[in-house]
Amino acid sequence: MRKNILQHIGAIVSSKRNKEHLTQQQLAQQTGRGLRHIQNIEKGRVNASIEVLADVIYRLGLSADVLFY
């Protein structure tokens, strides 16, 4: 069975953030988002808006394809 999409996105964001040696707090500050929001994205608890995802993937150098396919 396919992993829940929110958990999938969260795992990719978390993995890439760690590879970039960023804390959740640093990512939150650099994207203009709250720490709790970043934590919830990484845990797959929230359905982040396109605007939030765009800021996160831009900062982390991700492709949207990686998140959705």
C-alpha atoms as a PDB file:
ATOM      1  CA  MET A   1       0.000   0.000   0.000  1.00  0.00           C
ATOM      2  CA  ARG A   2       1.269   3.480  -0.871  1.00  0.00           C
ATOM      3  CA  LYS A   3       2.442   5.645   1.975  1.00  0.00           C
ATOM      4  CA  ASN A   4       0.215   8.549   2.890  1.00  0.00           C
ATOM      5  CA  ILE A   5       1.162  11.530   0.670  1.00  0.00           C
ATOM      6  CA  LEU A   6       1.531  13.913   3.623  1.00  0.00           C
ATOM      7  CA  GLN A   7       3.911  11.508   5.347  1.00  0.00           C
ATOM      8  CA  HIS A   8       5.786  11.049   2.067  1.00  0.00           C
ATOM      9  CA  ILE A   9       6.249  14.809   1.642  1.00  0.00           C
ATOM     10  CA  GLY A  10       7.249  15.212   5.285  1.00  0.00           C
ATOM     11  CA  ALA A  11       9.871  12.477   5.066  1.00  0.00           C
ATOM     12  CA  ILE A  12      11.443  14.043   1.971  1.00  0.00           C
ATOM     13  CA  VAL A  13      11.489  17.520   3.504  1.00  0.00           C
ATOM     14  CA  SER A  14      13.001  16.189   6.730  1.00  0.00           C
ATOM     15  CA  SER A  15      15.633  14.155   4.921  1.00  0.00           C
ATOM     16  CA  LYS A  16      16.699  17.017   2.669  1.00  0.00           C
ATOM     17  CA  ARG A  17      16.726  19.484   5.570  1.00  0.00           C
ATOM     18  CA  ASN A  18      19.048  17.178   7.500  1.00  0.00           C
ATOM     19  CA  LYS A  19      21.329  16.759   4.473  1.00  0.00           C
ATOM     20  CA  GLU A  20      21.553  20.556   4.304  1.00  0.00           C
ATOM     21  CA  HIS A  21      22.542  20.588   8.010  1.00  0.00           C
ATOM     22  CA  LEU A  22      19.585  22.798   8.917  1.00  0.00           C
ATOM     23  CA  THR A  23      17.532  22.636  12.075  1.00  0.00           C
ATOM     24  CA  GLN A  24      13.777  22.894  11.860  1.00  0.00           C
ATOM     25  CA  GLN A  25      14.091  26.325  13.451  1.00  0.00           C
ATOM     26  CA  GLN A  26      16.518  27.507  10.778  1.00  0.00           C
ATOM     27  CA  LEU A  27      14.279  26.246   7.983  1.00  0.00           C
ATOM     28  CA  ALA A  28      11.299  27.961   9.600  1.00  0.00           C
ATOM     29  CA  GLN A  29      13.177  31.264   9.840  1.00  0.00           C
ATOM     30  CA  GLN A  30      14.569  31.052   6.314  1.00  0.00           C
ATOM     31  CA  THR A  31      11.147  30.371   4.814  1.00  0.00           C
ATOM     32  CA  GLY A  32       9.223  32.820   6.983  1.00  0.00           C
ATOM     33  CA  ARG A  33       7.184  30.036   8.572  1.00  0.00           C
ATOM     34  CA  GLY A  34       6.625  28.985  12.158  1.00  0.00           C
ATOM     35  CA  LEU A  35       8.643  26.228  13.779  1.00  0.00           C
ATOM     36  CA  ARG A  36       5.489  24.296  14.675  1.00  0.00           C
ATOM     37  CA  HIS A  37       4.317  24.437  11.053  1.00  0.00           C
ATOM     38  CA  ILE A  38       7.611  22.974   9.787  1.00  0.00           C
ATOM     39  CA  GLN A  39       7.435  20.276  12.463  1.00  0.00           C
ATOM     40  CA  ASN A  40       3.893  19.385  11.453  1.00  0.00           C
ATOM     41  CA  ILE A  41       4.821  19.226   7.757  1.00  0.00           C
ATOM     42  CA  GLU A  42       7.692  16.860   8.505  1.00  0.00           C
ATOM     43  CA  LYS A  43       5.443  14.643  10.623  1.00  0.00           C
ATOM     44  CA  GLY A  44       2.767  14.540   7.911  1.00  0.00           C
ATOM     45  CA  ARG A  45       0.200  16.195  10.164  1.00  0.00           C
ATOM     46  CA  VAL A  46      -0.732  19.137   7.940  1.00  0.00           C
ATOM     47  CA  ASN A  47      -1.618  19.638   4.318  1.00  0.00           C
ATOM     48  CA  ALA A  48       0.743  22.511   3.553  1.00  0.00           C
ATOM     49  CA  SER A  49      -0.374  25.089   1.016  1.00  0.00           C
ATOM     50  CA  ILE A  50       1.330  25.455  -2.349  1.00  0.00           C
ATOM     51  CA  GLU A  51       2.866  28.724  -1.126  1.00  0.00           C
ATOM     52  CA  VAL A  52       4.447  27.056   1.893  1.00  0.00           C
ATOM     53  CA  LEU A  53       5.665  24.072  -0.117  1.00  0.00           C
ATOM     54  CA  ALA A  54       7.094  26.395  -2.769  1.00  0.00           C
ATOM     55  CA  ASP A  55       9.106  28.275  -0.138  1.00  0.00           C
ATOM     56  CA  VAL A  56      10.353  25.053   1.448  1.00  0.00           C
ATOM     57  CA  ILE A  57      11.348  23.327  -1.789  1.00  0.00           C
ATOM     58  CA  TYR A  58      13.012  26.484  -3.092  1.00  0.00           C
ATOM     59  CA  ARG A  59      15.097  26.814   0.087  1.00  0.00           C
ATOM     60  CA  LEU A  60      16.018  23.129   0.106  1.00  0.00           C
ATOM     61  CA  GLY A  61      16.707  22.954  -3.620  1.00  0.00           C
ATOM     62  CA  LEU A  62      14.103  20.252  -4.188  1.00  0.00           C
ATOM     63  CA  SER A  63      12.063  19.579  -7.280  1.00  0.00           C
ATOM     64  CA  ALA A  64       8.293  19.396  -6.945  1.00  0.00           C
ATOM     65  CA  ASP A  65       8.512  16.136  -8.913  1.00  0.00           C
ATOM     66  CA  VAL A  66      10.367  14.553  -6.001  1.00  0.00           C
ATOM     67  CA  LEU A  67       7.522  15.385  -3.642  1.00  0.00           C
ATOM     68  CA  PHE A  68       4.643  14.225  -5.804  1.00  0.00           C
ATOM     69  CA  TYR A  69       5.977  11.379  -7.952  1.00  0.00           C
END
